[in-house]
N, C-alpha and C. Protein backbone atom coordinates (compact mmCIF):
# COMPACT_ATOMS: atom_id res chain seq x y z
N UNK A 1 71.06 88.05 99.12
CA UNK A 1 69.62 88.04 99.14
C UNK A 1 69.09 88.82 100.35
N UNK A 2 69.78 88.70 101.50
CA UNK A 2 69.38 89.38 102.74
C UNK A 2 69.39 90.90 102.54
N UNK A 3 70.44 91.42 101.86
CA UNK A 3 70.55 92.86 101.61
C UNK A 3 69.42 93.35 100.71
N UNK A 4 69.03 92.51 99.75
CA UNK A 4 67.95 92.87 98.84
C UNK A 4 66.64 93.10 99.60
N UNK A 5 66.28 92.19 100.51
CA UNK A 5 65.05 92.32 101.30
C UNK A 5 65.13 93.51 102.26
N UNK A 6 66.33 93.74 102.77
CA UNK A 6 66.52 94.88 103.66
C UNK A 6 66.24 96.19 102.92
N UNK A 7 66.74 96.31 101.67
CA UNK A 7 66.51 97.51 100.87
C UNK A 7 65.02 97.67 100.55
N UNK A 8 64.35 96.56 100.24
CA UNK A 8 62.92 96.63 99.97
C UNK A 8 62.16 97.07 101.22
N UNK A 9 62.53 96.54 102.38
CA UNK A 9 61.89 96.92 103.63
C UNK A 9 62.06 98.42 103.89
N UNK A 10 63.29 98.91 103.72
CA UNK A 10 63.56 100.34 103.95
C UNK A 10 62.76 101.19 102.96
N UNK A 11 62.69 100.78 101.71
CA UNK A 11 61.92 101.52 100.71
C UNK A 11 60.44 101.55 101.08
N UNK A 12 59.91 100.43 101.55
CA UNK A 12 58.50 100.39 101.97
C UNK A 12 58.24 101.33 103.14
N UNK A 13 59.16 101.35 104.10
CA UNK A 13 59.00 102.24 105.26
C UNK A 13 59.02 103.69 104.82
N UNK A 14 59.97 104.03 103.95
CA UNK A 14 60.09 105.42 103.48
C UNK A 14 58.85 105.84 102.69
N UNK A 15 58.31 104.94 101.88
CA UNK A 15 57.17 105.28 101.04
C UNK A 15 55.85 105.21 101.81
N UNK A 16 55.67 104.19 102.64
CA UNK A 16 54.38 103.95 103.28
C UNK A 16 54.19 104.70 104.59
N UNK A 17 55.24 104.94 105.35
CA UNK A 17 55.10 105.56 106.67
C UNK A 17 54.44 106.94 106.61
N UNK A 18 54.86 107.84 105.69
CA UNK A 18 54.16 109.14 105.64
C UNK A 18 52.67 108.99 105.38
N UNK A 19 52.28 108.04 104.53
CA UNK A 19 50.86 107.83 104.26
C UNK A 19 50.14 107.36 105.51
N UNK A 20 50.75 106.48 106.28
CA UNK A 20 50.13 106.00 107.51
C UNK A 20 49.98 107.11 108.53
N UNK A 21 51.00 107.95 108.65
CA UNK A 21 50.93 109.07 109.59
C UNK A 21 49.81 110.02 109.18
N UNK A 22 49.68 110.27 107.87
CA UNK A 22 48.63 111.16 107.39
C UNK A 22 47.25 110.57 107.68
N UNK A 23 47.08 109.27 107.51
CA UNK A 23 45.80 108.63 107.81
C UNK A 23 45.47 108.78 109.28
N UNK A 24 46.46 108.56 110.16
CA UNK A 24 46.22 108.70 111.59
C UNK A 24 45.88 110.14 111.95
N UNK A 25 46.52 111.10 111.29
CA UNK A 25 46.21 112.50 111.54
C UNK A 25 44.77 112.80 111.13
N UNK A 26 44.36 112.28 109.99
CA UNK A 26 42.98 112.50 109.54
C UNK A 26 41.99 111.88 110.51
N UNK A 27 42.28 110.68 110.99
CA UNK A 27 41.40 110.04 111.95
C UNK A 27 41.32 110.86 113.23
N UNK A 28 42.46 111.41 113.65
CA UNK A 28 42.47 112.24 114.86
C UNK A 28 41.60 113.48 114.67
N UNK A 29 41.66 114.07 113.46
CA UNK A 29 40.85 115.25 113.18
C UNK A 29 39.36 114.92 113.26
N UNK A 30 38.97 113.73 112.79
CA UNK A 30 37.56 113.34 112.83
C UNK A 30 37.06 113.31 114.27
N UNK A 31 37.88 112.80 115.19
CA UNK A 31 37.47 112.69 116.58
C UNK A 31 37.77 113.97 117.37
N UNK A 32 38.37 114.94 116.74
CA UNK A 32 38.76 116.18 117.40
C UNK A 32 37.66 117.24 117.33
N UNK A 33 36.92 117.30 116.22
CA UNK A 33 35.94 118.35 116.01
C UNK A 33 34.57 117.78 115.66
N UNK A 34 33.56 118.49 116.10
CA UNK A 34 32.19 118.19 115.70
C UNK A 34 31.59 119.51 115.23
N UNK A 35 31.46 119.67 113.92
CA UNK A 35 31.00 120.94 113.36
C UNK A 35 29.57 121.28 113.76
N UNK A 36 28.81 120.30 114.21
CA UNK A 36 27.45 120.58 114.66
C UNK A 36 27.43 121.33 115.99
N UNK A 37 28.56 121.33 116.71
CA UNK A 37 28.63 122.02 118.00
C UNK A 37 29.08 123.47 117.87
N UNK A 38 29.46 123.91 116.67
CA UNK A 38 29.95 125.27 116.49
C UNK A 38 28.82 126.26 116.74
N UNK A 39 29.09 127.24 117.60
CA UNK A 39 28.14 128.29 117.91
C UNK A 39 28.92 129.59 118.07
N UNK A 40 29.06 130.33 116.97
CA UNK A 40 29.84 131.56 116.97
C UNK A 40 29.29 132.61 117.93
N UNK A 41 28.04 132.49 118.32
CA UNK A 41 27.40 133.51 119.15
C UNK A 41 27.39 133.14 120.63
N UNK A 42 27.96 131.99 120.98
CA UNK A 42 28.00 131.61 122.39
C UNK A 42 28.90 132.59 123.13
N UNK A 43 28.41 133.16 124.24
CA UNK A 43 29.19 134.20 124.93
C UNK A 43 30.34 133.63 125.77
N UNK A 44 31.48 133.47 125.16
CA UNK A 44 32.66 133.00 125.89
C UNK A 44 33.37 134.20 126.51
N UNK A 45 33.18 134.38 127.77
CA UNK A 45 33.87 135.45 128.48
C UNK A 45 34.89 134.80 129.39
N UNK A 46 35.76 135.59 129.89
CA UNK A 46 36.78 135.05 130.77
C UNK A 46 38.15 135.49 130.33
N UNK A 47 39.12 135.18 131.13
CA UNK A 47 40.48 135.66 130.86
C UNK A 47 41.14 134.94 129.69
N UNK A 48 42.20 135.54 129.20
CA UNK A 48 43.03 134.91 128.18
C UNK A 48 43.83 133.82 128.86
N UNK A 49 43.41 132.60 128.64
CA UNK A 49 44.05 131.42 129.22
C UNK A 49 44.23 130.43 128.07
N UNK A 50 45.26 130.64 127.21
CA UNK A 50 45.34 129.90 125.96
C UNK A 50 45.42 128.40 126.14
N UNK A 51 44.77 127.70 125.20
CA UNK A 51 44.82 126.24 125.17
C UNK A 51 45.20 125.81 123.76
N UNK A 52 45.95 124.73 123.67
CA UNK A 52 46.31 124.13 122.41
C UNK A 52 45.38 122.95 122.20
N UNK A 53 44.57 123.02 121.14
CA UNK A 53 43.58 121.98 120.89
C UNK A 53 44.17 120.85 120.04
N UNK A 54 43.43 119.78 119.96
CA UNK A 54 43.86 118.60 119.21
C UNK A 54 44.05 118.85 117.73
N UNK A 55 43.54 119.97 117.20
CA UNK A 55 43.72 120.31 115.79
C UNK A 55 44.96 121.17 115.57
N UNK A 56 45.75 121.43 116.62
CA UNK A 56 46.98 122.20 116.49
C UNK A 56 46.78 123.70 116.46
N UNK A 57 45.61 124.18 116.88
CA UNK A 57 45.29 125.61 116.88
C UNK A 57 45.23 126.10 118.33
N UNK A 58 45.79 127.29 118.57
CA UNK A 58 45.71 127.91 119.88
C UNK A 58 44.42 128.71 119.97
N UNK A 59 43.66 128.51 121.04
CA UNK A 59 42.42 129.25 121.28
C UNK A 59 42.57 130.09 122.53
N UNK A 60 41.78 131.15 122.62
CA UNK A 60 41.83 132.08 123.75
C UNK A 60 41.61 131.37 125.08
N UNK A 61 40.69 130.45 125.12
CA UNK A 61 40.46 129.61 126.29
C UNK A 61 39.64 128.40 125.83
N UNK A 62 39.36 127.50 126.73
CA UNK A 62 38.68 126.26 126.35
C UNK A 62 37.28 126.52 125.80
N UNK A 63 36.58 127.52 126.34
CA UNK A 63 35.25 127.85 125.85
C UNK A 63 35.29 128.24 124.37
N UNK A 64 36.28 129.06 123.99
CA UNK A 64 36.41 129.45 122.59
C UNK A 64 36.68 128.24 121.70
N UNK A 65 37.51 127.31 122.16
CA UNK A 65 37.81 126.11 121.37
C UNK A 65 36.54 125.31 121.12
N UNK A 66 35.75 125.16 122.14
CA UNK A 66 34.53 124.35 122.01
C UNK A 66 33.47 125.05 121.14
N UNK A 67 33.25 126.36 121.36
CA UNK A 67 32.17 127.04 120.64
C UNK A 67 32.58 127.52 119.25
N UNK A 68 33.82 128.00 119.08
CA UNK A 68 34.23 128.54 117.78
C UNK A 68 34.44 127.46 116.74
N UNK A 69 35.08 126.35 117.12
CA UNK A 69 35.39 125.30 116.14
C UNK A 69 34.84 123.93 116.51
N UNK A 70 34.02 123.84 117.55
CA UNK A 70 33.41 122.57 117.91
C UNK A 70 34.41 121.52 118.37
N UNK A 71 35.45 121.95 119.05
CA UNK A 71 36.48 121.01 119.51
C UNK A 71 35.88 120.10 120.57
N UNK A 72 35.98 118.82 120.33
CA UNK A 72 35.48 117.83 121.29
C UNK A 72 36.62 117.03 121.89
N UNK A 73 37.78 117.09 121.26
CA UNK A 73 38.93 116.30 121.71
C UNK A 73 39.73 117.01 122.79
N UNK A 74 40.93 116.56 122.95
CA UNK A 74 41.82 117.02 124.00
C UNK A 74 42.29 118.45 123.77
N UNK A 75 42.30 119.23 124.84
CA UNK A 75 42.95 120.53 124.84
C UNK A 75 43.95 120.55 125.98
N UNK A 76 45.09 121.20 125.73
CA UNK A 76 46.16 121.27 126.70
C UNK A 76 46.41 122.73 127.03
N UNK A 77 46.60 123.06 128.29
CA UNK A 77 46.90 124.44 128.66
C UNK A 77 48.19 124.88 128.01
N UNK A 78 48.18 126.09 127.46
CA UNK A 78 49.36 126.64 126.81
C UNK A 78 49.12 126.84 125.32
N UNK A 79 50.14 127.36 124.67
CA UNK A 79 50.04 127.67 123.24
C UNK A 79 50.60 126.53 122.41
N UNK A 80 50.17 126.48 121.15
CA UNK A 80 50.63 125.41 120.25
C UNK A 80 51.98 125.75 119.62
N UNK A 81 52.16 126.98 119.20
CA UNK A 81 53.38 127.37 118.50
C UNK A 81 54.38 128.06 119.41
N UNK A 82 55.22 128.91 118.78
CA UNK A 82 56.24 129.63 119.54
C UNK A 82 55.65 130.77 120.36
N UNK A 83 54.56 131.37 119.86
CA UNK A 83 53.96 132.48 120.59
C UNK A 83 52.51 132.65 120.17
N UNK A 84 51.78 133.39 120.98
CA UNK A 84 50.42 133.77 120.66
C UNK A 84 50.12 135.05 121.41
N UNK A 85 49.16 135.84 120.92
CA UNK A 85 48.80 137.06 121.62
C UNK A 85 47.30 137.25 121.61
N UNK A 86 46.85 138.12 122.49
CA UNK A 86 45.44 138.40 122.63
C UNK A 86 45.27 139.89 122.81
N UNK A 87 44.23 140.44 122.21
CA UNK A 87 43.91 141.85 122.41
C UNK A 87 42.45 141.94 122.83
N UNK A 88 42.23 142.67 123.88
CA UNK A 88 40.87 142.84 124.39
C UNK A 88 40.64 144.32 124.64
N UNK A 89 39.72 144.93 123.89
CA UNK A 89 39.40 146.33 124.18
C UNK A 89 38.65 146.42 125.51
N UNK A 90 39.13 147.25 126.38
CA UNK A 90 38.45 147.48 127.65
C UNK A 90 37.48 148.63 127.42
N UNK A 91 36.24 148.50 127.85
CA UNK A 91 35.27 149.58 127.61
C UNK A 91 35.80 150.94 128.07
N UNK A 92 35.63 151.97 127.23
CA UNK A 92 36.18 153.29 127.53
C UNK A 92 35.76 153.83 128.89
N UNK A 93 34.53 153.57 129.32
CA UNK A 93 34.07 154.09 130.60
C UNK A 93 34.90 153.52 131.75
N UNK A 94 35.48 152.34 131.55
CA UNK A 94 36.26 151.72 132.61
C UNK A 94 37.73 152.11 132.57
N UNK A 95 38.28 152.34 131.38
CA UNK A 95 39.73 152.46 131.33
C UNK A 95 40.27 153.43 130.28
N UNK A 96 39.56 154.46 129.92
CA UNK A 96 40.06 155.50 129.01
C UNK A 96 40.67 154.97 127.71
N UNK A 97 39.93 154.17 126.95
CA UNK A 97 40.38 153.69 125.64
C UNK A 97 41.70 152.92 125.67
N UNK A 98 41.89 152.09 126.65
CA UNK A 98 43.09 151.27 126.75
C UNK A 98 42.82 149.91 126.13
N UNK A 99 43.72 149.50 125.25
CA UNK A 99 43.64 148.18 124.65
C UNK A 99 44.51 147.24 125.49
N UNK A 100 43.93 146.16 125.95
CA UNK A 100 44.62 145.19 126.80
C UNK A 100 45.33 144.19 125.90
N UNK A 101 46.65 144.31 125.77
CA UNK A 101 47.46 143.43 124.90
C UNK A 101 48.24 142.47 125.78
N UNK A 102 48.10 141.17 125.49
CA UNK A 102 48.84 140.14 126.24
C UNK A 102 49.50 139.20 125.25
N UNK A 103 50.74 138.83 125.54
CA UNK A 103 51.46 137.91 124.67
C UNK A 103 52.09 136.79 125.50
N UNK A 104 52.05 135.59 124.93
CA UNK A 104 52.73 134.43 125.50
C UNK A 104 53.87 134.06 124.56
N UNK A 105 55.05 133.82 125.12
CA UNK A 105 56.18 133.33 124.33
C UNK A 105 56.73 132.08 125.01
N UNK A 106 57.24 131.15 124.21
CA UNK A 106 57.79 129.91 124.77
C UNK A 106 59.19 130.11 125.33
N UNK A 107 59.96 131.00 124.73
CA UNK A 107 61.33 131.25 125.17
C UNK A 107 61.60 132.74 125.10
N UNK A 108 62.62 133.22 125.78
CA UNK A 108 62.92 134.66 125.75
C UNK A 108 63.05 135.14 124.30
N UNK A 109 62.34 136.21 123.99
CA UNK A 109 62.29 136.69 122.60
C UNK A 109 62.10 138.19 122.56
N UNK A 110 62.53 138.78 121.45
CA UNK A 110 62.18 140.16 121.15
C UNK A 110 60.83 140.14 120.44
N UNK A 111 59.98 141.09 120.78
CA UNK A 111 58.63 141.14 120.22
C UNK A 111 58.44 142.50 119.56
N UNK A 112 58.01 142.49 118.30
CA UNK A 112 57.70 143.72 117.59
C UNK A 112 56.19 143.80 117.43
N UNK A 113 55.63 144.96 117.76
CA UNK A 113 54.18 145.16 117.67
C UNK A 113 53.92 146.32 116.72
N UNK A 114 53.05 146.09 115.75
CA UNK A 114 52.65 147.13 114.80
C UNK A 114 51.13 147.17 114.75
N UNK A 115 50.58 148.37 114.69
CA UNK A 115 49.16 148.54 114.46
C UNK A 115 49.01 149.45 113.26
N UNK A 116 48.23 148.99 112.27
CA UNK A 116 47.99 149.83 111.10
C UNK A 116 46.50 150.04 110.90
N UNK A 117 46.17 151.16 110.25
CA UNK A 117 44.77 151.42 109.93
C UNK A 117 44.43 150.74 108.61
N UNK A 118 43.22 150.95 108.10
CA UNK A 118 42.79 150.28 106.87
C UNK A 118 43.56 150.77 105.64
N UNK A 119 44.25 151.90 105.76
CA UNK A 119 45.03 152.43 104.65
C UNK A 119 46.49 151.95 104.68
N UNK A 120 46.82 151.14 105.67
CA UNK A 120 48.18 150.61 105.78
C UNK A 120 49.15 151.53 106.49
N UNK A 121 48.65 152.61 107.09
CA UNK A 121 49.51 153.54 107.82
C UNK A 121 49.67 153.05 109.27
N UNK A 122 50.90 153.02 109.71
CA UNK A 122 51.14 152.58 111.08
C UNK A 122 50.74 153.67 112.07
N UNK A 123 49.94 153.29 113.04
CA UNK A 123 49.55 154.23 114.09
C UNK A 123 50.24 153.88 115.40
N UNK A 124 50.92 152.72 115.43
CA UNK A 124 51.61 152.29 116.64
C UNK A 124 52.73 151.34 116.25
N UNK A 125 53.89 151.54 116.88
CA UNK A 125 55.03 150.63 116.72
C UNK A 125 55.73 150.53 118.07
N UNK A 126 56.13 149.32 118.39
CA UNK A 126 56.84 149.13 119.66
C UNK A 126 57.67 147.86 119.55
N UNK A 127 58.86 147.89 120.13
CA UNK A 127 59.70 146.70 120.21
C UNK A 127 59.95 146.42 121.68
N UNK A 128 59.61 145.21 122.09
CA UNK A 128 59.84 144.78 123.46
C UNK A 128 61.04 143.86 123.45
N UNK A 129 62.05 144.17 124.23
CA UNK A 129 63.30 143.41 124.23
C UNK A 129 63.28 142.29 125.27
N UNK A 130 63.69 141.12 124.84
CA UNK A 130 63.92 139.97 125.71
C UNK A 130 62.75 139.67 126.65
N UNK A 131 61.57 139.49 126.08
CA UNK A 131 60.40 139.12 126.87
C UNK A 131 60.61 137.69 127.36
N UNK A 132 60.55 137.49 128.64
CA UNK A 132 60.83 136.17 129.22
C UNK A 132 59.76 135.85 130.26
N UNK A 133 58.62 135.38 129.79
CA UNK A 133 57.53 135.02 130.70
C UNK A 133 56.95 133.67 130.31
N UNK A 134 57.74 132.59 130.35
CA UNK A 134 57.21 131.30 129.92
C UNK A 134 56.01 130.88 130.77
N UNK A 135 54.90 130.58 130.09
CA UNK A 135 53.70 130.12 130.77
C UNK A 135 52.84 131.23 131.34
N UNK A 136 53.32 132.47 131.29
CA UNK A 136 52.55 133.60 131.80
C UNK A 136 52.44 134.67 130.73
N UNK A 137 51.34 135.42 130.72
CA UNK A 137 51.24 136.47 129.71
C UNK A 137 52.07 137.68 130.10
N UNK A 138 52.62 138.35 129.09
CA UNK A 138 53.28 139.64 129.30
C UNK A 138 52.24 140.68 128.88
N UNK A 139 51.98 141.63 129.74
CA UNK A 139 50.91 142.60 129.53
C UNK A 139 51.49 143.96 129.17
N UNK A 140 50.87 144.60 128.18
CA UNK A 140 51.22 145.97 127.85
C UNK A 140 49.93 146.70 127.47
N UNK A 141 49.63 147.82 128.15
CA UNK A 141 48.44 148.60 127.80
C UNK A 141 48.76 149.51 126.61
N UNK A 142 47.85 149.60 125.66
CA UNK A 142 48.03 150.45 124.49
C UNK A 142 46.90 151.47 124.46
N UNK A 143 47.26 152.73 124.51
CA UNK A 143 46.28 153.81 124.53
C UNK A 143 45.75 154.07 123.12
N UNK A 144 44.44 153.96 122.94
CA UNK A 144 43.82 154.20 121.63
C UNK A 144 43.00 155.49 121.59
N UNK A 145 43.25 156.38 122.52
CA UNK A 145 42.47 157.62 122.63
C UNK A 145 42.50 158.42 121.33
N UNK A 146 43.65 158.51 120.66
CA UNK A 146 43.77 159.33 119.46
C UNK A 146 43.46 158.57 118.17
N UNK A 147 42.99 157.34 118.26
CA UNK A 147 42.64 156.56 117.07
C UNK A 147 41.26 156.98 116.60
N UNK A 148 41.11 157.12 115.30
CA UNK A 148 39.80 157.40 114.73
C UNK A 148 38.97 156.12 114.74
N UNK A 149 37.65 156.29 114.66
CA UNK A 149 36.80 155.10 114.58
C UNK A 149 37.16 154.31 113.33
N UNK A 150 37.17 152.99 113.46
CA UNK A 150 37.46 152.17 112.31
C UNK A 150 38.09 150.84 112.69
N UNK A 151 38.51 150.14 111.65
CA UNK A 151 39.12 148.82 111.82
C UNK A 151 40.63 148.97 111.76
N UNK A 152 41.32 148.26 112.64
CA UNK A 152 42.78 148.28 112.70
C UNK A 152 43.28 146.84 112.69
N UNK A 153 44.53 146.69 112.27
CA UNK A 153 45.16 145.37 112.27
C UNK A 153 46.41 145.45 113.12
N UNK A 154 46.53 144.51 114.05
CA UNK A 154 47.72 144.42 114.88
C UNK A 154 48.57 143.27 114.35
N UNK A 155 49.84 143.57 114.05
CA UNK A 155 50.81 142.57 113.64
C UNK A 155 51.80 142.39 114.77
N UNK A 156 52.07 141.16 115.12
CA UNK A 156 53.07 140.88 116.14
C UNK A 156 54.10 139.94 115.53
N UNK A 157 55.38 140.32 115.65
CA UNK A 157 56.46 139.54 115.06
C UNK A 157 57.38 139.04 116.18
N UNK A 158 57.60 137.73 116.18
CA UNK A 158 58.52 137.09 117.12
C UNK A 158 59.36 136.10 116.33
N UNK A 159 60.68 136.26 116.39
CA UNK A 159 61.61 135.34 115.70
C UNK A 159 61.24 135.16 114.22
N UNK A 160 60.98 136.25 113.54
CA UNK A 160 60.64 136.27 112.12
C UNK A 160 59.34 135.53 111.77
N UNK A 161 58.51 135.26 112.76
CA UNK A 161 57.18 134.69 112.53
C UNK A 161 56.18 135.74 112.97
N UNK A 162 55.07 135.83 112.24
CA UNK A 162 54.11 136.86 112.62
C UNK A 162 52.69 136.31 112.70
N UNK A 163 51.92 136.97 113.54
CA UNK A 163 50.49 136.74 113.65
C UNK A 163 49.82 138.09 113.51
N UNK A 164 48.58 138.07 113.05
CA UNK A 164 47.84 139.32 112.96
C UNK A 164 46.42 139.09 113.44
N UNK A 165 45.84 140.14 114.02
CA UNK A 165 44.45 140.10 114.45
C UNK A 165 43.84 141.47 114.19
N UNK A 166 42.55 141.48 113.93
CA UNK A 166 41.83 142.72 113.68
C UNK A 166 41.12 143.16 114.94
N UNK A 167 40.95 144.45 115.07
CA UNK A 167 40.10 145.00 116.13
C UNK A 167 39.52 146.31 115.62
N UNK A 168 38.47 146.77 116.28
CA UNK A 168 37.87 148.03 115.86
C UNK A 168 37.82 149.00 117.02
N UNK A 169 37.83 150.26 116.66
CA UNK A 169 37.73 151.33 117.65
C UNK A 169 36.41 152.04 117.41
N UNK A 170 35.59 152.12 118.44
CA UNK A 170 34.32 152.83 118.38
C UNK A 170 34.33 153.88 119.47
N UNK A 171 34.16 155.13 119.09
CA UNK A 171 34.17 156.21 120.10
C UNK A 171 32.78 156.46 120.65
């Protein structure tokens, strides 16, 4: 009889525990964001200082987390996943069409960077070997002088995982 109740208990834990975890996650999300606070036009300036928010998303800095998605809950310095990157166009008058590219990685990794135009043609490719800057950004300037005006997509691949971000070039 004892073994029978033990099996029922184990079955209940296996079936019910995922549901309980999901409920707690949903409750955490409710207290994490307030959509009434979202202000896409709030001028968040400042350095790339990534934070991992309570919703599991990495934001450029705490200001972006609060204004872009209305994050009201906890944010922790650093990235949420294995890596994250940031691209900031520096005004041409200041730096001759240099794109400020910064990447954070959790562990030493090879990083592949691709930039393609709207037609899918690669205008830039680079492989960075054994990037090892835990907690600090690795910086690489990318010259966009010969890029035509338009929208470009940057793909960054680390350990077979990729992120992409769009940017535009205006001459």
